């Protein structure tokens, strides 16, 4: 039983599985009412991908880049159920990891991800009229200029 995670609340999690894999995604931990065992529901799980970059001759330090890949490459599913007994550790993602993960989801699945930092559109952002009104104004300006 996973008793150190709030049950039935969705959150961004990173899981270390008994296979050694680390997966990230939106998770929800819930107890199966029949078996009383915890199940982890994971949406759009990703695994990390580490790429070694070329080493600069002046700077001898090794450089790496990290990105995300789909957890199961040959599946169209975006929702998985993971048995809690397959998990070594589960923890919330850091704010930076959540931001990177949301960006990856948006790019990988062409999905809009709700982000609390998004700013709603308002009239001071350059929205001055409707397309039809702007077209009429431009046509009038063009006709006046051609006379």
C-alpha atoms as a PDB file:
ATOM      1  CA  UNK A   1       0.000   0.000   0.000  1.00  0.00           C
ATOM      2  CA  UNK A   2       1.299   3.436  -0.947  1.00  0.00           C
ATOM      3  CA  UNK A   3       0.348   5.510   2.057  1.00  0.00           C
ATOM      4  CA  UNK A   4       2.674   8.496   1.552  1.00  0.00           C
ATOM      5  CA  UNK A   5       0.824   9.788  -1.549  1.00  0.00           C
ATOM      6  CA  UNK A   6      -2.615  11.399  -1.441  1.00  0.00           C
ATOM      7  CA  UNK A   7      -5.065   8.987  -2.979  1.00  0.00           C
ATOM      8  CA  UNK A   8      -7.585   9.946  -5.662  1.00  0.00           C
ATOM      9  CA  UNK A   9      -5.851  13.253  -6.462  1.00  0.00           C
ATOM     10  CA  UNK A  10      -4.191  13.733  -9.834  1.00  0.00           C
ATOM     11  CA  UNK A  11      -0.623  15.073  -9.795  1.00  0.00           C
ATOM     12  CA  UNK A  12       2.531  15.097 -11.922  1.00  0.00           C
ATOM     13  CA  UNK A  13       4.646  12.165 -10.784  1.00  0.00           C
ATOM     14  CA  UNK A  14       7.892  10.408 -11.458  1.00  0.00           C
ATOM     15  CA  UNK A  15       7.973   6.657 -10.831  1.00  0.00           C
ATOM     16  CA  UNK A  16      10.948   4.337 -10.483  1.00  0.00           C
ATOM     17  CA  UNK A  17       9.869   0.845 -11.508  1.00  0.00           C
ATOM     18  CA  UNK A  18      11.352  -2.464 -10.381  1.00  0.00           C
ATOM     19  CA  UNK A  19      12.658  -2.874 -13.963  1.00  0.00           C
ATOM     20  CA  UNK A  20      14.890   0.177 -13.426  1.00  0.00           C
ATOM     21  CA  UNK A  21      12.853   2.412 -15.719  1.00  0.00           C
ATOM     22  CA  UNK A  22      11.915   5.906 -14.640  1.00  0.00           C
ATOM     23  CA  UNK A  23       8.647   7.199 -16.035  1.00  0.00           C
ATOM     24  CA  UNK A  24       6.985  10.579 -15.704  1.00  0.00           C
ATOM     25  CA  UNK A  25       3.408  11.648 -16.252  1.00  0.00           C
ATOM     26  CA  UNK A  26       0.122  12.675 -14.722  1.00  0.00           C
ATOM     27  CA  UNK A  27      -0.684  10.089 -12.065  1.00  0.00           C
ATOM     28  CA  UNK A  28      -3.514   9.163  -9.779  1.00  0.00           C
ATOM     29  CA  UNK A  29      -3.148   6.598  -7.004  1.00  0.00           C
ATOM     30  CA  UNK A  30      -6.314   4.792  -6.027  1.00  0.00           C
ATOM     31  CA  UNK A  31      -7.216   1.753  -3.993  1.00  0.00           C
ATOM     32  CA  UNK A  32      -9.006  -1.091  -5.767  1.00  0.00           C
ATOM     33  CA  UNK A  33     -12.204  -1.580  -3.734  1.00  0.00           C
ATOM     34  CA  UNK A  34     -12.223  -5.343  -4.328  1.00  0.00           C
ATOM     35  CA  UNK A  35      -8.592  -6.262  -3.642  1.00  0.00           C
ATOM     36  CA  UNK A  36      -7.721  -3.280  -1.383  1.00  0.00           C
ATOM     37  CA  UNK A  37      -4.446  -2.943  -3.342  1.00  0.00           C
ATOM     38  CA  UNK A  38      -3.203   0.359  -4.728  1.00  0.00           C
ATOM     39  CA  UNK A  39      -3.216   0.941  -8.461  1.00  0.00           C
ATOM     40  CA  UNK A  40      -1.479   3.802 -10.205  1.00  0.00           C
ATOM     41  CA  UNK A  41      -3.201   5.337 -13.186  1.00  0.00           C
ATOM     42  CA  UNK A  42      -0.715   7.112 -15.447  1.00  0.00           C
ATOM     43  CA  UNK A  43      -1.636   9.398 -18.332  1.00  0.00           C
ATOM     44  CA  UNK A  44       0.803  10.018 -21.192  1.00  0.00           C
ATOM     45  CA  UNK A  45       3.805   8.407 -19.488  1.00  0.00           C
ATOM     46  CA  UNK A  46       7.218   9.422 -20.744  1.00  0.00           C
ATOM     47  CA  UNK A  47      10.680   8.122 -20.114  1.00  0.00           C
ATOM     48  CA  UNK A  48      13.805  10.192 -20.092  1.00  0.00           C
ATOM     49  CA  UNK A  49      16.252  10.116 -22.942  1.00  0.00           C
ATOM     50  CA  UNK A  50      19.838  11.202 -22.283  1.00  0.00           C
ATOM     51  CA  UNK A  51      22.063  12.207 -25.187  1.00  0.00           C
ATOM     52  CA  UNK A  52      25.789  12.809 -24.855  1.00  0.00           C
ATOM     53  CA  UNK A  53      26.906  15.906 -26.743  1.00  0.00           C
ATOM     54  CA  UNK A  54      30.227  16.456 -28.446  1.00  0.00           C
ATOM     55  CA  UNK A  55      32.950  17.576 -26.074  1.00  0.00           C
ATOM     56  CA  UNK A  56      34.587  20.918 -26.779  1.00  0.00           C
ATOM     57  CA  UNK A  57      38.371  20.615 -27.137  1.00  0.00           C
ATOM     58  CA  UNK A  58      38.820  23.685 -24.894  1.00  0.00           C
ATOM     59  CA  UNK A  59      36.357  22.506 -22.254  1.00  0.00           C
ATOM     60  CA  UNK A  60      37.092  18.916 -21.251  1.00  0.00           C
ATOM     61  CA  UNK A  61      33.858  18.475 -19.300  1.00  0.00           C
ATOM     62  CA  UNK A  62      31.281  16.072 -20.692  1.00  0.00           C
ATOM     63  CA  UNK A  63      27.969  17.584 -21.729  1.00  0.00           C
ATOM     64  CA  UNK A  64      24.630  15.825 -21.846  1.00  0.00           C
ATOM     65  CA  UNK A  65      21.129  16.779 -22.930  1.00  0.00           C
ATOM     66  CA  UNK A  66      17.927  15.246 -21.651  1.00  0.00           C
ATOM     67  CA  UNK A  67      14.561  14.881 -23.328  1.00  0.00           C
ATOM     68  CA  UNK A  68      11.447  12.728 -23.216  1.00  0.00           C
ATOM     69  CA  UNK A  69      10.197   9.767 -25.216  1.00  0.00           C
ATOM     70  CA  UNK A  70       6.931   7.863 -25.153  1.00  0.00           C
ATOM     71  CA  UNK A  71       7.073   5.084 -22.571  1.00  0.00           C
ATOM     72  CA  UNK A  72       5.514   2.524 -24.916  1.00  0.00           C
ATOM     73  CA  UNK A  73       6.474   3.414 -28.468  1.00  0.00           C
ATOM     74  CA  UNK A  74       4.141   1.019 -30.276  1.00  0.00           C
ATOM     75  CA  UNK A  75       0.945   1.800 -28.397  1.00  0.00           C
ATOM     76  CA  UNK A  76      -1.649   4.428 -29.205  1.00  0.00           C
ATOM     77  CA  UNK A  77      -2.920   4.408 -25.631  1.00  0.00           C
ATOM     78  CA  UNK A  78      -2.417   7.485 -23.511  1.00  0.00           C
ATOM     79  CA  UNK A  79      -3.605   5.946 -20.256  1.00  0.00           C
ATOM     80  CA  UNK A  80      -1.988   3.042 -18.361  1.00  0.00           C
ATOM     81  CA  UNK A  81      -2.643   1.197 -15.122  1.00  0.00           C
ATOM     82  CA  UNK A  82       0.470   0.260 -13.139  1.00  0.00           C
ATOM     83  CA  UNK A  83       0.421  -2.169 -10.261  1.00  0.00           C
ATOM     84  CA  UNK A  84       1.850  -0.570  -7.115  1.00  0.00           C
ATOM     85  CA  UNK A  85       3.973  -3.678  -6.519  1.00  0.00           C
ATOM     86  CA  UNK A  86       5.910  -2.790  -9.691  1.00  0.00           C
ATOM     87  CA  UNK A  87       6.931   0.584  -8.241  1.00  0.00           C
ATOM     88  CA  UNK A  88      10.072   1.094  -6.168  1.00  0.00           C
ATOM     89  CA  UNK A  89       9.461   4.786  -5.561  1.00  0.00           C
ATOM     90  CA  UNK A  90       6.980   7.492  -6.490  1.00  0.00           C
ATOM     91  CA  UNK A  91       7.452  11.239  -6.061  1.00  0.00           C
ATOM     92  CA  UNK A  92       5.967  14.501  -7.340  1.00  0.00           C
ATOM     93  CA  UNK A  93       7.791  16.125 -10.259  1.00  0.00           C
ATOM     94  CA  UNK A  94       9.679  19.354  -9.724  1.00  0.00           C
ATOM     95  CA  UNK A  95       8.213  22.563 -11.166  1.00  0.00           C
ATOM     96  CA  UNK A  96      10.897  22.617 -13.874  1.00  0.00           C
ATOM     97  CA  UNK A  97      10.157  19.017 -14.847  1.00  0.00           C
ATOM     98  CA  UNK A  98       6.417  19.754 -15.033  1.00  0.00           C
ATOM     99  CA  UNK A  99       7.075  22.678 -17.363  1.00  0.00           C
ATOM    100  CA  UNK A 100       9.280  20.543 -19.644  1.00  0.00           C
ATOM    101  CA  UNK A 101       6.803  17.663 -19.536  1.00  0.00           C
ATOM    102  CA  UNK A 102       3.868  19.923 -20.510  1.00  0.00           C
ATOM    103  CA  UNK A 103       5.897  21.320 -23.402  1.00  0.00           C
ATOM    104  CA  UNK A 104       6.699  17.775 -24.550  1.00  0.00           C
ATOM    105  CA  UNK A 105       3.009  16.729 -24.337  1.00  0.00           C
ATOM    106  CA  UNK A 106       1.985  19.741 -26.406  1.00  0.00           C
ATOM    107  CA  UNK A 107       4.572  18.924 -29.078  1.00  0.00           C
ATOM    108  CA  UNK A 108       4.305  15.112 -29.047  1.00  0.00           C
ATOM    109  CA  UNK A 109       0.534  14.740 -28.966  1.00  0.00           C
ATOM    110  CA  UNK A 110      -0.531  18.119 -30.401  1.00  0.00           C
ATOM    111  CA  UNK A 111      -2.595  18.644 -27.244  1.00  0.00           C
ATOM    112  CA  UNK A 112      -3.309  21.875 -25.493  1.00  0.00           C
ATOM    113  CA  UNK A 113      -2.134  21.616 -21.906  1.00  0.00           C
ATOM    114  CA  UNK A 114      -3.700  23.891 -19.317  1.00  0.00           C
ATOM    115  CA  UNK A 115      -0.967  25.980 -17.807  1.00  0.00           C
ATOM    116  CA  UNK A 116      -1.593  28.262 -14.849  1.00  0.00           C
ATOM    117  CA  UNK A 117       0.995  30.683 -16.236  1.00  0.00           C
ATOM    118  CA  UNK A 118      -0.933  31.233 -19.473  1.00  0.00           C
ATOM    119  CA  UNK A 119      -2.236  34.759 -19.931  1.00  0.00           C
ATOM    120  CA  UNK A 120      -5.778  35.197 -21.273  1.00  0.00           C
ATOM    121  CA  UNK A 121      -6.175  37.270 -24.436  1.00  0.00           C
ATOM    122  CA  UNK A 122      -7.415  40.821 -23.921  1.00  0.00           C
ATOM    123  CA  UNK A 123      -7.876  43.921 -26.103  1.00  0.00           C
ATOM    124  CA  UNK A 124      -4.547  45.465 -25.091  1.00  0.00           C
ATOM    125  CA  UNK A 125      -2.693  42.583 -26.790  1.00  0.00           C
ATOM    126  CA  UNK A 126      -3.224  43.951 -30.283  1.00  0.00           C
ATOM    127  CA  UNK A 127      -6.717  42.615 -30.843  1.00  0.00           C
ATOM    128  CA  UNK A 128      -8.381  45.721 -32.292  1.00  0.00           C
ATOM    129  CA  UNK A 129     -11.264  44.395 -34.370  1.00  0.00           C
ATOM    130  CA  UNK A 130     -12.831  41.425 -36.061  1.00  0.00           C
ATOM    131  CA  UNK A 131     -11.389  40.180 -39.340  1.00  0.00           C
ATOM    132  CA  UNK A 132     -14.408  41.385 -41.332  1.00  0.00           C
ATOM    133  CA  UNK A 133     -14.202  44.893 -39.828  1.00  0.00           C
ATOM    134  CA  UNK A 134     -10.460  45.088 -40.500  1.00  0.00           C
ATOM    135  CA  UNK A 135     -10.998  43.969 -44.131  1.00  0.00           C
ATOM    136  CA  UNK A 136     -13.576  46.728 -44.699  1.00  0.00           C
ATOM    137  CA  UNK A 137     -11.252  49.343 -43.183  1.00  0.00           C
ATOM    138  CA  UNK A 138      -8.320  48.254 -45.363  1.00  0.00           C
ATOM    139  CA  UNK A 139     -10.496  48.237 -48.499  1.00  0.00           C
ATOM    140  CA  UNK A 140     -11.678  51.787 -47.715  1.00  0.00           C
ATOM    141  CA  UNK A 141      -8.075  52.979 -47.148  1.00  0.00           C
ATOM    142  CA  UNK A 142      -6.974  51.323 -50.415  1.00  0.00           C
ATOM    143  CA  UNK A 143      -9.831  52.936 -52.388  1.00  0.00           C
ATOM    144  CA  UNK A 144      -9.060  56.386 -50.908  1.00  0.00           C
ATOM    145  CA  UNK A 145      -5.354  56.021 -51.741  1.00  0.00           C
ATOM    146  CA  UNK A 146      -6.034  55.052 -55.359  1.00  0.00           C
ATOM    147  CA  UNK A 147      -8.128  58.218 -56.087  1.00  0.00           C
END
